Amino acid sequence: MATTSAAVLNGLGSRLLSGSKKSQALFSAPIPARSVGGAVAAPRKFVVVAAAAKKSWLPGVRGGGNFVDPEWLDGSLPGDYGFDPLGLGKDPAFLKWYREAELIHGRWAMAAVVGIFVGQAWSGIPWFEAGADPGAIAPFSFGTLLGTQLLLMGWVESKRWVDFFNPESQSVEWATPWSRTAENFANATGDQGYPGGKFFDPLSLAGTISGGVYIPDNEKLERLKLAEIKHARIAMLAMLIFYFEAGQGKTPLGALGL
């Protein structure tokens, strides 16, 4: 009997049965009080503890090693599945920088994917020819566009580089003349790369505004972080495909037969 009970408890404590939040809540719920000899016995609590498994980008591979399960990635970052075959994140400072770089590239890629589809559907001009098209609002040569982008983006990226090592140092009053304060550009969430605040989260998707002060909601913020990094990675892969298509003179809409 004892052996059977132990087997049942081991089964209930398995990752398969106790991995979800619903099952964990069920197993940790108190057992109702029962009457023993006319007296009511105190309710007991049935607790099953299951160790959290670290997610992997190769779930079918059981072997360890830094290729499959790098020791410098502990799963604390949103969307961290242990993918770092080149070992770029061994240094904690560089890991933080690469994560912010991934966020920035992913956000640009998401905006670019939407712009490519909408722009071509509206104008009929392939995205890689839009800037030089004679019918464009401001036609420029490729060299002019590239130089302008390098100049403007170089300035913005240099400001971001300084802010990375000295957070909020680039938050100056002249940036928000309508409010005469740099509060709207402050890193309200406290997390690098996620400024939040009244300016960067006007719909209060990851926080609330109480008395004119932005208060982040950590639970919502973590959920949105994971959703954002997943969409960002898909968008970056989509842009890579768009580049290959452009090299063949094709467009995303053309490839879809639209």
C-alpha atoms as a PDB file:
ATOM      1  CA  MET A   1       0.000   0.000   0.000  1.00  0.00           C
ATOM      2  CA  ALA A   2       2.794   2.402   0.896  1.00  0.00           C
ATOM      3  CA  THR A   3       4.514   1.614  -2.406  1.00  0.00           C
ATOM      4  CA  THR A   4       1.317   2.306  -4.327  1.00  0.00           C
ATOM      5  CA  SER A   5       0.758   5.625  -2.513  1.00  0.00           C
ATOM      6  CA  ALA A   6       4.318   6.716  -3.239  1.00  0.00           C
ATOM      7  CA  ALA A   7       3.847   5.888  -6.915  1.00  0.00           C
ATOM      8  CA  VAL A   8       0.653   7.927  -7.059  1.00  0.00           C
ATOM      9  CA  LEU A   9       2.325  10.916  -5.394  1.00  0.00           C
ATOM     10  CA  ASN A  10       5.269  10.694  -7.795  1.00  0.00           C
ATOM     11  CA  GLY A  11       2.855  10.647 -10.687  1.00  0.00           C
ATOM     12  CA  LEU A  12       1.013  13.709  -9.399  1.00  0.00           C
ATOM     13  CA  GLY A  13       4.314  15.512  -8.933  1.00  0.00           C
ATOM     14  CA  SER A  14       5.405  14.896 -12.515  1.00  0.00           C
ATOM     15  CA  ARG A  15       5.847  17.808 -14.917  1.00  0.00           C
ATOM     16  CA  LEU A  16       3.162  16.351 -17.162  1.00  0.00           C
ATOM     17  CA  LEU A  17       0.413  16.588 -14.558  1.00  0.00           C
ATOM     18  CA  SER A  18       1.488  19.499 -12.403  1.00  0.00           C
ATOM     19  CA  GLY A  19       3.042  21.758 -15.015  1.00  0.00           C
ATOM     20  CA  SER A  20       0.004  23.965 -15.656  1.00  0.00           C
ATOM     21  CA  LYS A  21      -1.212  26.676 -13.317  1.00  0.00           C
ATOM     22  CA  LYS A  22      -4.638  25.051 -13.021  1.00  0.00           C
ATOM     23  CA  SER A  23      -3.229  21.700 -11.952  1.00  0.00           C
ATOM     24  CA  GLN A  24      -0.795  23.340  -9.528  1.00  0.00           C
ATOM     25  CA  ALA A  25      -3.682  25.241  -7.943  1.00  0.00           C
ATOM     26  CA  LEU A  26      -5.681  22.010  -7.728  1.00  0.00           C
ATOM     27  CA  PHE A  27      -2.894  20.077  -6.037  1.00  0.00           C
ATOM     28  CA  SER A  28      -2.151  22.889  -3.560  1.00  0.00           C
ATOM     29  CA  ALA A  29      -5.806  23.377  -2.560  1.00  0.00           C
ATOM     30  CA  PRO A  30      -6.676  22.464   1.042  1.00  0.00           C
ATOM     31  CA  ILE A  31      -8.603  19.234   1.670  1.00  0.00           C
ATOM     32  CA  PRO A  32     -12.002  19.965   3.298  1.00  0.00           C
ATOM     33  CA  ALA A  33     -12.315  19.389   7.047  1.00  0.00           C
ATOM     34  CA  ARG A  34     -13.852  16.089   8.115  1.00  0.00           C
ATOM     35  CA  SER A  35     -15.490  14.870  11.298  1.00  0.00           C
ATOM     36  CA  VAL A  36     -13.579  12.361  13.423  1.00  0.00           C
ATOM     37  CA  GLY A  37     -15.343  10.982  16.502  1.00  0.00           C
ATOM     38  CA  GLY A  38     -17.679  13.956  16.747  1.00  0.00           C
ATOM     39  CA  ALA A  39     -14.825  16.481  16.533  1.00  0.00           C
ATOM     40  CA  VAL A  40     -13.894  18.382  13.412  1.00  0.00           C
ATOM     41  CA  ALA A  41     -10.334  17.696  12.312  1.00  0.00           C
ATOM     42  CA  ALA A  42      -8.290  20.589  10.996  1.00  0.00           C
ATOM     43  CA  PRO A  43      -8.097  20.685   7.196  1.00  0.00           C
ATOM     44  CA  ARG A  44      -4.898  19.427   5.666  1.00  0.00           C
ATOM     45  CA  LYS A  45      -3.145  20.923   2.688  1.00  0.00           C
ATOM     46  CA  PHE A  46      -1.959  18.676  -0.104  1.00  0.00           C
ATOM     47  CA  VAL A  47       1.127  20.262  -1.649  1.00  0.00           C
ATOM     48  CA  VAL A  48       2.990  18.942  -4.673  1.00  0.00           C
ATOM     49  CA  VAL A  49       6.187  20.773  -5.613  1.00  0.00           C
ATOM     50  CA  ALA A  50       7.439  20.445  -9.179  1.00  0.00           C
ATOM     51  CA  ALA A  51      10.795  21.829 -10.290  1.00  0.00           C
ATOM     52  CA  ALA A  52      10.579  24.374 -13.134  1.00  0.00           C
ATOM     53  CA  ALA A  53      12.301  23.077 -16.243  1.00  0.00           C
ATOM     54  CA  LYS A  54      14.496  25.418 -18.261  1.00  0.00           C
ATOM     55  CA  LYS A  55      13.163  25.856 -21.777  1.00  0.00           C
ATOM     56  CA  SER A  56      15.386  24.986 -24.715  1.00  0.00           C
ATOM     57  CA  TRP A  57      15.424  25.915 -28.380  1.00  0.00           C
ATOM     58  CA  LEU A  58      16.151  22.226 -29.068  1.00  0.00           C
ATOM     59  CA  PRO A  59      13.666  20.465 -26.787  1.00  0.00           C
ATOM     60  CA  GLY A  60      14.244  17.075 -28.412  1.00  0.00           C
ATOM     61  CA  VAL A  61      17.989  17.082 -27.639  1.00  0.00           C
ATOM     62  CA  ARG A  62      18.808  15.739 -24.182  1.00  0.00           C
ATOM     63  CA  GLY A  63      22.510  16.439 -24.274  1.00  0.00           C
ATOM     64  CA  GLY A  64      23.936  19.371 -22.347  1.00  0.00           C
ATOM     65  CA  GLY A  65      26.777  21.627 -23.332  1.00  0.00           C
ATOM     66  CA  ASN A  66      26.885  25.316 -24.147  1.00  0.00           C
ATOM     67  CA  PHE A  67      25.514  24.769 -27.644  1.00  0.00           C
ATOM     68  CA  VAL A  68      22.185  23.444 -26.379  1.00  0.00           C
ATOM     69  CA  ASP A  69      22.108  24.769 -22.827  1.00  0.00           C
ATOM     70  CA  PRO A  70      24.585  27.643 -22.308  1.00  0.00           C
ATOM     71  CA  GLU A  71      25.300  28.246 -18.662  1.00  0.00           C
ATOM     72  CA  TRP A  72      25.248  32.042 -19.027  1.00  0.00           C
ATOM     73  CA  LEU A  73      21.574  31.986 -20.060  1.00  0.00           C
ATOM     74  CA  ASP A  74      19.401  31.158 -17.066  1.00  0.00           C
ATOM     75  CA  GLY A  75      15.983  31.764 -18.634  1.00  0.00           C
ATOM     76  CA  SER A  76      15.413  35.064 -16.835  1.00  0.00           C
ATOM     77  CA  LEU A  77      15.236  37.102 -20.071  1.00  0.00           C
ATOM     78  CA  PRO A  78      11.895  37.196 -21.915  1.00  0.00           C
ATOM     79  CA  GLY A  79      11.993  34.681 -24.750  1.00  0.00           C
ATOM     80  CA  ASP A  80      15.252  33.110 -23.537  1.00  0.00           C
ATOM     81  CA  TYR A  81      15.406  29.541 -24.841  1.00  0.00           C
ATOM     82  CA  GLY A  82      19.156  29.064 -24.568  1.00  0.00           C
ATOM     83  CA  PHE A  83      20.065  29.972 -28.163  1.00  0.00           C
ATOM     84  CA  ASP A  84      23.573  31.430 -28.236  1.00  0.00           C
ATOM     85  CA  PRO A  85      25.773  29.086 -30.327  1.00  0.00           C
ATOM     86  CA  LEU A  86      28.453  31.779 -30.813  1.00  0.00           C
ATOM     87  CA  GLY A  87      28.714  32.561 -27.113  1.00  0.00           C
ATOM     88  CA  LEU A  88      27.986  36.267 -27.591  1.00  0.00           C
ATOM     89  CA  GLY A  89      26.317  36.579 -24.198  1.00  0.00           C
ATOM     90  CA  LYS A  90      29.059  35.144 -21.992  1.00  0.00           C
ATOM     91  CA  ASP A  91      29.843  38.617 -20.693  1.00  0.00           C
ATOM     92  CA  PRO A  92      26.815  39.928 -18.712  1.00  0.00           C
ATOM     93  CA  ALA A  93      27.395  43.482 -19.983  1.00  0.00           C
ATOM     94  CA  PHE A  94      27.450  42.363 -23.605  1.00  0.00           C
ATOM     95  CA  LEU A  95      24.439  40.112 -23.014  1.00  0.00           C
ATOM     96  CA  LYS A  96      22.480  43.165 -21.879  1.00  0.00           C
ATOM     97  CA  TRP A  97      23.661  45.121 -24.907  1.00  0.00           C
ATOM     98  CA  TYR A  98      22.813  42.348 -27.374  1.00  0.00           C
ATOM     99  CA  ARG A  99      19.338  41.976 -25.879  1.00  0.00           C
ATOM    100  CA  GLU A 100      18.696  45.694 -26.335  1.00  0.00           C
ATOM    101  CA  ALA A 101      20.096  45.517 -29.879  1.00  0.00           C
ATOM    102  CA  GLU A 102      17.755  42.604 -30.617  1.00  0.00           C
ATOM    103  CA  LEU A 103      14.839  44.659 -29.347  1.00  0.00           C
ATOM    104  CA  ILE A 104      15.745  47.687 -31.468  1.00  0.00           C
ATOM    105  CA  HIS A 105      16.276  45.633 -34.637  1.00  0.00           C
ATOM    106  CA  GLY A 106      13.085  43.703 -33.991  1.00  0.00           C
ATOM    107  CA  ARG A 107      11.030  46.874 -33.531  1.00  0.00           C
ATOM    108  CA  TRP A 108      12.376  48.342 -36.755  1.00  0.00           C
ATOM    109  CA  ALA A 109      11.670  45.060 -38.538  1.00  0.00           C
ATOM    110  CA  MET A 110       8.066  44.981 -37.310  1.00  0.00           C
ATOM    111  CA  ALA A 111       7.527  48.557 -38.520  1.00  0.00           C
ATOM    112  CA  ALA A 112       9.247  47.743 -41.835  1.00  0.00           C
ATOM    113  CA  VAL A 113       7.129  44.649 -42.542  1.00  0.00           C
ATOM    114  CA  VAL A 114       3.912  46.604 -42.051  1.00  0.00           C
ATOM    115  CA  GLY A 115       5.266  49.530 -44.103  1.00  0.00           C
ATOM    116  CA  ILE A 116       6.315  47.280 -46.985  1.00  0.00           C
ATOM    117  CA  PHE A 117       2.923  45.635 -47.298  1.00  0.00           C
ATOM    118  CA  VAL A 118       0.875  48.809 -46.827  1.00  0.00           C
ATOM    119  CA  GLY A 119       3.174  50.960 -48.984  1.00  0.00           C
ATOM    120  CA  GLN A 120       3.151  48.657 -51.971  1.00  0.00           C
ATOM    121  CA  ALA A 121      -0.585  47.938 -51.672  1.00  0.00           C
ATOM    122  CA  TRP A 122      -1.257  51.686 -51.686  1.00  0.00           C
ATOM    123  CA  SER A 123       1.230  52.855 -54.328  1.00  0.00           C
ATOM    124  CA  GLY A 124       1.963  49.720 -56.343  1.00  0.00           C
ATOM    125  CA  ILE A 125       5.702  50.519 -56.159  1.00  0.00           C
ATOM    126  CA  PRO A 126       8.114  47.787 -54.930  1.00  0.00           C
ATOM    127  CA  TRP A 127       9.521  48.697 -51.534  1.00  0.00           C
ATOM    128  CA  PHE A 128      13.147  48.580 -52.732  1.00  0.00           C
ATOM    129  CA  GLU A 129      12.378  51.124 -55.497  1.00  0.00           C
ATOM    130  CA  ALA A 130      10.046  53.438 -53.572  1.00  0.00           C
ATOM    131  CA  GLY A 131      12.663  56.014 -52.609  1.00  0.00           C
ATOM    132  CA  ALA A 132      13.982  56.488 -56.149  1.00  0.00           C
ATOM    133  CA  ASP A 133      10.656  56.329 -57.996  1.00  0.00           C
ATOM    134  CA  PRO A 134       9.984  59.505 -60.039  1.00  0.00           C
ATOM    135  CA  GLY A 135       6.425  59.583 -58.708  1.00  0.00           C
ATOM    136  CA  ALA A 136       7.549  59.552 -55.095  1.00  0.00           C
ATOM    137  CA  ILE A 137       6.919  62.572 -52.896  1.00  0.00           C
ATOM    138  CA  ALA A 138      10.651  63.166 -52.523  1.00  0.00           C
ATOM    139  CA  PRO A 139      12.656  61.028 -54.984  1.00  0.00           C
ATOM    140  CA  PHE A 140      16.282  60.499 -54.007  1.00  0.00           C
ATOM    141  CA  SER A 141      19.067  58.309 -55.265  1.00  0.00           C
ATOM    142  CA  PHE A 142      20.092  55.255 -53.276  1.00  0.00           C
ATOM    143  CA  GLY A 143      23.343  56.942 -52.225  1.00  0.00           C
ATOM    144  CA  THR A 144      21.502  60.004 -50.910  1.00  0.00           C
ATOM    145  CA  LEU A 145      19.052  57.876 -48.968  1.00  0.00           C
ATOM    146  CA  LEU A 146      21.845  55.760 -47.508  1.00  0.00           C
ATOM    147  CA  GLY A 147      23.917  58.777 -46.490  1.00  0.00           C
ATOM    148  CA  THR A 148      20.946  60.507 -44.877  1.00  0.00           C
ATOM    149  CA  GLN A 149      20.018  57.394 -42.951  1.00  0.00           C
ATOM    150  CA  LEU A 150      23.578  56.834 -41.736  1.00  0.00           C
ATOM    151  CA  LEU A 151      23.797  60.451 -40.568  1.00  0.00           C
ATOM    152  CA  LEU A 152      20.470  60.521 -38.735  1.00  0.00           C
ATOM    153  CA  MET A 153      20.633  56.995 -37.363  1.00  0.00           C
ATOM    154  CA  GLY A 154      24.251  57.487 -36.357  1.00  0.00           C
ATOM    155  CA  TRP A 155      23.223  60.422 -34.189  1.00  0.00           C
ATOM    156  CA  VAL A 156      20.328  58.545 -32.616  1.00  0.00           C
ATOM    157  CA  GLU A 157      22.387  55.407 -32.024  1.00  0.00           C
ATOM    158  CA  SER A 158      25.207  57.399 -30.428  1.00  0.00           C
ATOM    159  CA  LYS A 159      22.668  58.883 -28.002  1.00  0.00           C
ATOM    160  CA  ARG A 160      21.373  55.392 -27.229  1.00  0.00           C
ATOM    161  CA  TRP A 161      24.945  54.157 -26.671  1.00  0.00           C
ATOM    162  CA  VAL A 162      25.552  56.889 -24.109  1.00  0.00           C
ATOM    163  CA  ASP A 163      22.196  56.229 -22.425  1.00  0.00           C
ATOM    164  CA  PHE A 164      22.970  52.509 -22.221  1.00  0.00           C
ATOM    165  CA  PHE A 165      25.999  53.118 -19.997  1.00  0.00           C
ATOM    166  CA  ASN A 166      24.445  56.106 -18.212  1.00  0.00           C
ATOM    167  CA  PRO A 167      20.673  55.500 -18.091  1.00  0.00           C
ATOM    168  CA  GLU A 168      18.405  58.540 -18.444  1.00  0.00           C
ATOM    169  CA  SER A 169      21.385  60.795 -19.100  1.00  0.00           C
ATOM    170  CA  GLN A 170      19.908  61.711 -22.487  1.00  0.00           C
ATOM    171  CA  SER A 171      16.537  62.681 -21.002  1.00  0.00           C
ATOM    172  CA  VAL A 172      16.668  66.459 -21.298  1.00  0.00           C
ATOM    173  CA  GLU A 173      14.019  69.134 -20.923  1.00  0.00           C
ATOM    174  CA  TRP A 174      14.274  70.439 -24.474  1.00  0.00           C
ATOM    175  CA  ALA A 175      13.045  67.066 -25.731  1.00  0.00           C
ATOM    176  CA  THR A 176       9.592  67.690 -24.266  1.00  0.00           C
ATOM    177  CA  PRO A 177       8.968  71.431 -24.585  1.00  0.00           C
ATOM    178  CA  TRP A 178       5.200  71.014 -24.280  1.00  0.00           C
ATOM    179  CA  SER A 179       5.507  69.796 -20.696  1.00  0.00           C
ATOM    180  CA  ARG A 180       8.701  71.660 -19.740  1.00  0.00           C
ATOM    181  CA  THR A 181      10.035  68.495 -18.216  1.00  0.00           C
ATOM    182  CA  ALA A 182      11.862  65.339 -19.255  1.00  0.00           C
ATOM    183  CA  GLU A 183       9.532  63.179 -17.160  1.00  0.00           C
ATOM    184  CA  ASN A 184       7.744  61.759 -20.213  1.00  0.00           C
ATOM    185  CA  PHE A 185      11.027  60.332 -21.514  1.00  0.00           C
ATOM    186  CA  ALA A 186      12.124  58.897 -18.172  1.00  0.00           C
ATOM    187  CA  ASN A 187      12.665  55.141 -17.887  1.00  0.00           C
ATOM    188  CA  ALA A 188       9.433  54.650 -15.931  1.00  0.00           C
ATOM    189  CA  THR A 189       9.593  50.839 -15.941  1.00  0.00           C
ATOM    190  CA  GLY A 190      13.135  50.724 -14.587  1.00  0.00           C
ATOM    191  CA  ASP A 191      14.140  48.224 -17.301  1.00  0.00           C
ATOM    192  CA  GLN A 192      16.630  49.162 -19.996  1.00  0.00           C
ATOM    193  CA  GLY A 193      14.986  49.109 -23.407  1.00  0.00           C
ATOM    194  CA  TYR A 194      11.473  49.396 -21.967  1.00  0.00           C
ATOM    195  CA  PRO A 195      10.952  53.102 -21.214  1.00  0.00           C
ATOM    196  CA  GLY A 196       7.195  52.990 -20.703  1.00  0.00           C
ATOM    197  CA  GLY A 197       5.841  56.141 -19.123  1.00  0.00           C
ATOM    198  CA  LYS A 198       3.154  58.506 -20.336  1.00  0.00           C
ATOM    199  CA  PHE A 199       4.906  59.086 -23.659  1.00  0.00           C
ATOM    200  CA  PHE A 200       5.966  55.551 -24.633  1.00  0.00           C
ATOM    201  CA  ASP A 201       2.879  53.850 -23.189  1.00  0.00           C
ATOM    202  CA  PRO A 202       0.062  56.348 -23.870  1.00  0.00           C
ATOM    203  CA  LEU A 203      -2.592  53.585 -23.855  1.00  0.00           C
ATOM    204  CA  SER A 204      -1.368  52.290 -20.489  1.00  0.00           C
ATOM    205  CA  LEU A 205      -1.021  48.742 -21.816  1.00  0.00           C
ATOM    206  CA  ALA A 206       1.673  47.914 -19.256  1.00  0.00           C
ATOM    207  CA  GLY A 207       0.761  50.252 -16.452  1.00  0.00           C
ATOM    208  CA  THR A 208      -1.627  52.849 -15.107  1.00  0.00           C
ATOM    209  CA  ILE A 209      -1.556  56.585 -14.621  1.00  0.00           C
ATOM    210  CA  SER A 210      -2.552  57.700 -11.151  1.00  0.00           C
ATOM    211  CA  GLY A 211      -2.406  61.359 -10.212  1.00  0.00           C
ATOM    212  CA  GLY A 212      -0.370  62.119 -13.297  1.00  0.00           C
ATOM    213  CA  VAL A 213       2.256  59.509 -12.344  1.00  0.00           C
ATOM    214  CA  TYR A 214       2.836  56.411 -14.491  1.00  0.00           C
ATOM    215  CA  ILE A 215       2.850  53.201 -12.433  1.00  0.00           C
ATOM    216  CA  PRO A 216       4.035  50.078 -14.304  1.00  0.00           C
ATOM    217  CA  ASP A 217       2.174  46.775 -13.947  1.00  0.00           C
ATOM    218  CA  ASN A 218       4.910  44.143 -13.753  1.00  0.00           C
ATOM    219  CA  GLU A 219       2.655  41.219 -14.647  1.00  0.00           C
ATOM    220  CA  LYS A 220       1.347  42.899 -17.795  1.00  0.00           C
ATOM    221  CA  LEU A 221       4.823  44.161 -18.664  1.00  0.00           C
ATOM    222  CA  GLU A 222       6.391  40.696 -18.514  1.00  0.00           C
ATOM    223  CA  ARG A 223       3.645  39.247 -20.697  1.00  0.00           C
ATOM    224  CA  LEU A 224       4.068  42.017 -23.272  1.00  0.00           C
ATOM    225  CA  LYS A 225       7.854  41.621 -23.235  1.00  0.00           C
ATOM    226  CA  LEU A 226       7.536  37.972 -24.246  1.00  0.00           C
ATOM    227  CA  ALA A 227       4.946  38.727 -26.931  1.00  0.00           C
ATOM    228  CA  GLU A 228       7.080  41.554 -28.332  1.00  0.00           C
ATOM    229  CA  ILE A 229      10.310  39.581 -28.607  1.00  0.00           C
ATOM    230  CA  LYS A 230       8.495  36.701 -30.336  1.00  0.00           C
ATOM    231  CA  HIS A 231       6.907  39.034 -32.894  1.00  0.00           C
ATOM    232  CA  ALA A 232      10.213  40.878 -33.308  1.00  0.00           C
ATOM    233  CA  ARG A 233      12.090  37.690 -34.182  1.00  0.00           C
ATOM    234  CA  ILE A 234       9.460  36.653 -36.705  1.00  0.00           C
ATOM    235  CA  ALA A 235       9.617  40.127 -38.277  1.00  0.00           C
ATOM    236  CA  MET A 236      13.418  39.962 -38.571  1.00  0.00           C
ATOM    237  CA  LEU A 237      13.174  36.597 -40.328  1.00  0.00           C
ATOM    238  CA  ALA A 238      10.516  38.061 -42.622  1.00  0.00           C
ATOM    239  CA  MET A 239      12.800  40.970 -43.526  1.00  0.00           C
ATOM    240  CA  LEU A 240      15.612  38.535 -44.325  1.00  0.00           C
ATOM    241  CA  ILE A 241      13.272  36.767 -46.735  1.00  0.00           C
ATOM    242  CA  PHE A 242      12.224  40.111 -48.235  1.00  0.00           C
ATOM    243  CA  TYR A 243      15.897  40.924 -48.925  1.00  0.00           C
ATOM    244  CA  PHE A 244      16.416  37.647 -50.759  1.00  0.00           C
ATOM    245  CA  GLU A 245      13.261  38.267 -52.773  1.00  0.00           C
ATOM    246  CA  ALA A 246      14.393  41.792 -53.624  1.00  0.00           C
ATOM    247  CA  GLY A 247      17.664  40.380 -54.958  1.00  0.00           C
ATOM    248  CA  GLN A 248      15.564  38.459 -57.478  1.00  0.00           C
ATOM    249  CA  GLY A 249      13.415  41.484 -58.279  1.00  0.00           C
ATOM    250  CA  LYS A 250      10.427  40.109 -56.395  1.00  0.00           C
ATOM    251  CA  THR A 251       8.223  41.604 -53.708  1.00  0.00           C
ATOM    252  CA  PRO A 252       6.318  40.013 -50.793  1.00  0.00           C
ATOM    253  CA  LEU A 253       2.964  40.794 -52.395  1.00  0.00           C
ATOM    254  CA  GLY A 254       4.195  39.448 -55.738  1.00  0.00           C
ATOM    255  CA  ALA A 255       5.374  36.244 -54.087  1.00  0.00           C
ATOM    256  CA  LEU A 256       1.888  35.865 -52.620  1.00  0.00           C
ATOM    257  CA  GLY A 257       0.349  36.411 -56.024  1.00  0.00           C
ATOM    258  CA  LEU A 258      -1.251  39.727 -55.022  1.00  0.00           C
END
